[in-house]
Structure formats: structure tokens, C-alpha cells
């Protein structure tokens, strides 16, 4: 039915199609490996960012605690006492001079 030229053309087309599919498969595997490497890198960066955020959170809690201490009555009373002591000390130095 088919002559030899037609069968040769079909065979060549099938070989080219197979080569194209193999090349596409190689490209797909390469791209997927690159995506995997990129995902691993993003994961590392995300863990580093999480660590930095937790450190900032700890520092923020410490500053908040310090601010609460500075705003407490004991610190205000201590500041007032030190202010009075400094005023008395300054007045005595002036009177001695």
C-alpha cells in the first residue's frame, strides 16, 4: 500500500518526535531540579528570617519590661530622691565656695 518513501518519511518523523520528547523530558527534569534547589534556598532564608524575628521579639519584650520598670513607682521615687540629693549636694558646694 505505502511505498518505501512514505515509510521512510514516517520513520524519520517518528525519530524526530522521539528526540523532541526526550529533549523536553531532559529540560523538564533540569527545571524541576532547579526549582527544588530554589525551594531549599527559600526554606533556609525563611528559617533565618524566623530566627531574626524571634530575636527581635525577645529584644522587644526586654525593652517592654525595662520600660515597665522605668515607669514603676520605685524608679520614680528613686529618681526623685537622687534629684533631691543632687540639689542638696549642689547647694552645699555653692555655700562652701
C-alpha atoms as a PDB file:
ATOM      1  CA  UNK A   1       0.000   0.000   0.000  1.00  0.00           C
ATOM      2  CA  UNK A   2       2.542   2.549   1.105  1.00  0.00           C
ATOM      3  CA  UNK A   3       5.609   2.933  -0.907  1.00  0.00           C
ATOM      4  CA  UNK A   4       9.078   2.898   0.543  1.00  0.00           C
ATOM      5  CA  UNK A   5       9.494   6.731   0.513  1.00  0.00           C
ATOM      6  CA  UNK A   6       6.363   7.215   2.584  1.00  0.00           C
ATOM      7  CA  UNK A   7       7.525   4.678   5.186  1.00  0.00           C
ATOM      8  CA  UNK A   8      10.934   6.359   5.346  1.00  0.00           C
ATOM      9  CA  UNK A   9       9.285   9.764   5.896  1.00  0.00           C
ATOM     10  CA  UNK A  10       7.102   8.362   8.682  1.00  0.00           C
ATOM     11  CA  UNK A  11      10.149   6.716  10.307  1.00  0.00           C
ATOM     12  CA  UNK A  12      12.143   9.969  10.181  1.00  0.00           C
ATOM     13  CA  UNK A  13       9.215  11.917  11.674  1.00  0.00           C
ATOM     14  CA  UNK A  14       8.874   9.358  14.477  1.00  0.00           C
ATOM     15  CA  UNK A  15      12.607   9.587  15.235  1.00  0.00           C
ATOM     16  CA  UNK A  16      12.453  13.399  15.304  1.00  0.00           C
ATOM     17  CA  UNK A  17       9.362  13.287  17.500  1.00  0.00           C
ATOM     18  CA  UNK A  18      11.088  10.885  19.891  1.00  0.00           C
ATOM     19  CA  UNK A  19      14.168  13.122  20.049  1.00  0.00           C
ATOM     20  CA  UNK A  20      11.962  16.135  20.765  1.00  0.00           C
ATOM     21  CA  UNK A  21      10.181  14.284  23.567  1.00  0.00           C
ATOM     22  CA  UNK A  22      13.472  13.141  25.106  1.00  0.00           C
ATOM     23  CA  UNK A  23      14.828  16.696  24.935  1.00  0.00           C
ATOM     24  CA  UNK A  24      11.640  18.040  26.539  1.00  0.00           C
ATOM     25  CA  UNK A  25      11.907  15.446  29.292  1.00  0.00           C
ATOM     26  CA  UNK A  26      15.541  16.431  29.952  1.00  0.00           C
ATOM     27  CA  UNK A  27      14.579  20.112  30.107  1.00  0.00           C
ATOM     28  CA  UNK A  28      11.664  19.320  32.444  1.00  0.00           C
ATOM     29  CA  UNK A  29      13.903  17.337  34.799  1.00  0.00           C
ATOM     30  CA  UNK A  30      16.507  20.123  34.782  1.00  0.00           C
ATOM     31  CA  UNK A  31      13.878  22.759  35.538  1.00  0.00           C
ATOM     32  CA  UNK A  32      12.394  20.681  38.345  1.00  0.00           C
ATOM     33  CA  UNK A  33      15.838  20.214  39.903  1.00  0.00           C
ATOM     34  CA  UNK A  34      16.418  23.970  39.751  1.00  0.00           C
ATOM     35  CA  UNK A  35      13.014  24.584  41.336  1.00  0.00           C
ATOM     36  CA  UNK A  36      13.917  22.142  44.091  1.00  0.00           C
ATOM     37  CA  UNK A  37      17.220  23.946  44.754  1.00  0.00           C
ATOM     38  CA  UNK A  38      15.431  27.284  44.809  1.00  0.00           C
ATOM     39  CA  UNK A  39      12.840  25.926  47.237  1.00  0.00           C
ATOM     40  CA  UNK A  40      15.619  24.673  49.522  1.00  0.00           C
ATOM     41  CA  UNK A  41      17.263  28.099  49.426  1.00  0.00           C
ATOM     42  CA  UNK A  42      13.955  29.812  50.208  1.00  0.00           C
ATOM     43  CA  UNK A  43      13.455  27.438  53.123  1.00  0.00           C
ATOM     44  CA  UNK A  44      16.882  28.331  54.541  1.00  0.00           C
ATOM     45  CA  UNK A  45      16.143  32.043  54.189  1.00  0.00           C
ATOM     46  CA  UNK A  46      12.744  31.565  55.833  1.00  0.00           C
ATOM     47  CA  UNK A  47      14.327  29.822  58.826  1.00  0.00           C
ATOM     48  CA  UNK A  48      16.902  32.597  59.131  1.00  0.00           C
ATOM     49  CA  UNK A  49      14.161  35.221  58.969  1.00  0.00           C
ATOM     50  CA  UNK A  50      12.164  33.346  61.597  1.00  0.00           C
ATOM     51  CA  UNK A  51      15.229  33.289  63.845  1.00  0.00           C
ATOM     52  CA  UNK A  52      15.748  37.030  63.383  1.00  0.00           C
ATOM     53  CA  UNK A  53      12.079  37.742  64.096  1.00  0.00           C
ATOM     54  CA  UNK A  54      12.206  35.675  67.280  1.00  0.00           C
ATOM     55  CA  UNK A  55      15.361  37.545  68.379  1.00  0.00           C
ATOM     56  CA  UNK A  56      13.659  40.870  67.699  1.00  0.00           C
ATOM     57  CA  UNK A  57      10.634  39.630  69.638  1.00  0.00           C
ATOM     58  CA  UNK A  58      12.825  38.757  72.623  1.00  0.00           C
ATOM     59  CA  UNK A  59      14.531  42.156  72.480  1.00  0.00           C
ATOM     60  CA  UNK A  60      11.152  43.877  72.235  1.00  0.00           C
ATOM     61  CA  UNK A  61       9.899  42.006  75.300  1.00  0.00           C
ATOM     62  CA  UNK A  62      13.045  43.011  77.226  1.00  0.00           C
ATOM     63  CA  UNK A  63      12.623  46.659  76.245  1.00  0.00           C
ATOM     64  CA  UNK A  64       8.956  46.492  77.187  1.00  0.00           C
ATOM     65  CA  UNK A  65       9.878  45.013  80.565  1.00  0.00           C
ATOM     66  CA  UNK A  66      12.507  47.704  81.094  1.00  0.00           C
ATOM     67  CA  UNK A  67      10.024  50.410  80.135  1.00  0.00           C
ATOM     68  CA  UNK A  68       7.531  48.975  82.607  1.00  0.00           C
ATOM     69  CA  UNK A  69      10.203  49.019  85.307  1.00  0.00           C
ATOM     70  CA  UNK A  70      11.192  52.591  84.475  1.00  0.00           C
ATOM     71  CA  UNK A  71       7.574  53.657  84.688  1.00  0.00           C
ATOM     72  CA  UNK A  72       7.037  51.996  88.063  1.00  0.00           C
ATOM     73  CA  UNK A  73       6.709  53.914  91.308  1.00  0.00           C
ATOM     74  CA  UNK A  74      10.003  52.651  92.727  1.00  0.00           C
ATOM     75  CA  UNK A  75      12.030  54.124  89.900  1.00  0.00           C
ATOM     76  CA  UNK A  76      10.136  57.413  90.073  1.00  0.00           C
ATOM     77  CA  UNK A  77      10.748  57.562  93.824  1.00  0.00           C
ATOM     78  CA  UNK A  78      14.436  56.724  93.349  1.00  0.00           C
ATOM     79  CA  UNK A  79      14.745  59.421  90.679  1.00  0.00           C
ATOM     80  CA  UNK A  80      13.107  61.965  92.992  1.00  0.00           C
ATOM     81  CA  UNK A  81      15.433  61.001  95.868  1.00  0.00           C
ATOM     82  CA  UNK A  82      18.501  61.254  93.634  1.00  0.00           C
ATOM     83  CA  UNK A  83      17.287  64.618  92.354  1.00  0.00           C
ATOM     84  CA  UNK A  84      16.867  65.908  95.909  1.00  0.00           C
ATOM     85  CA  UNK A  85      20.291  64.552  96.901  1.00  0.00           C
ATOM     86  CA  UNK A  86      21.877  66.240  93.895  1.00  0.00           C
ATOM     87  CA  UNK A  87      20.123  69.530  94.704  1.00  0.00           C
ATOM     88  CA  UNK A  88      21.332  69.380  98.335  1.00  0.00           C
ATOM     89  CA  UNK A  89      24.868  68.450  97.264  1.00  0.00           C
ATOM     90  CA  UNK A  90      24.941  71.288  94.708  1.00  0.00           C
ATOM     91  CA  UNK A  91      23.618  73.785  97.271  1.00  0.00           C
ATOM     92  CA  UNK A  92      26.293  72.749  99.795  1.00  0.00           C
ATOM     93  CA  UNK A  93      29.052  73.079  97.209  1.00  0.00           C
ATOM     94  CA  UNK A  94      27.878  76.561  96.360  1.00  0.00           C
ATOM     95  CA  UNK A  95      27.693  77.588 100.010  1.00  0.00           C
ATOM     96  CA  UNK A  96      31.200  76.196 100.658  1.00  0.00           C
ATOM     97  CA  UNK A  97      32.663  78.103  97.707  1.00  0.00           C
END
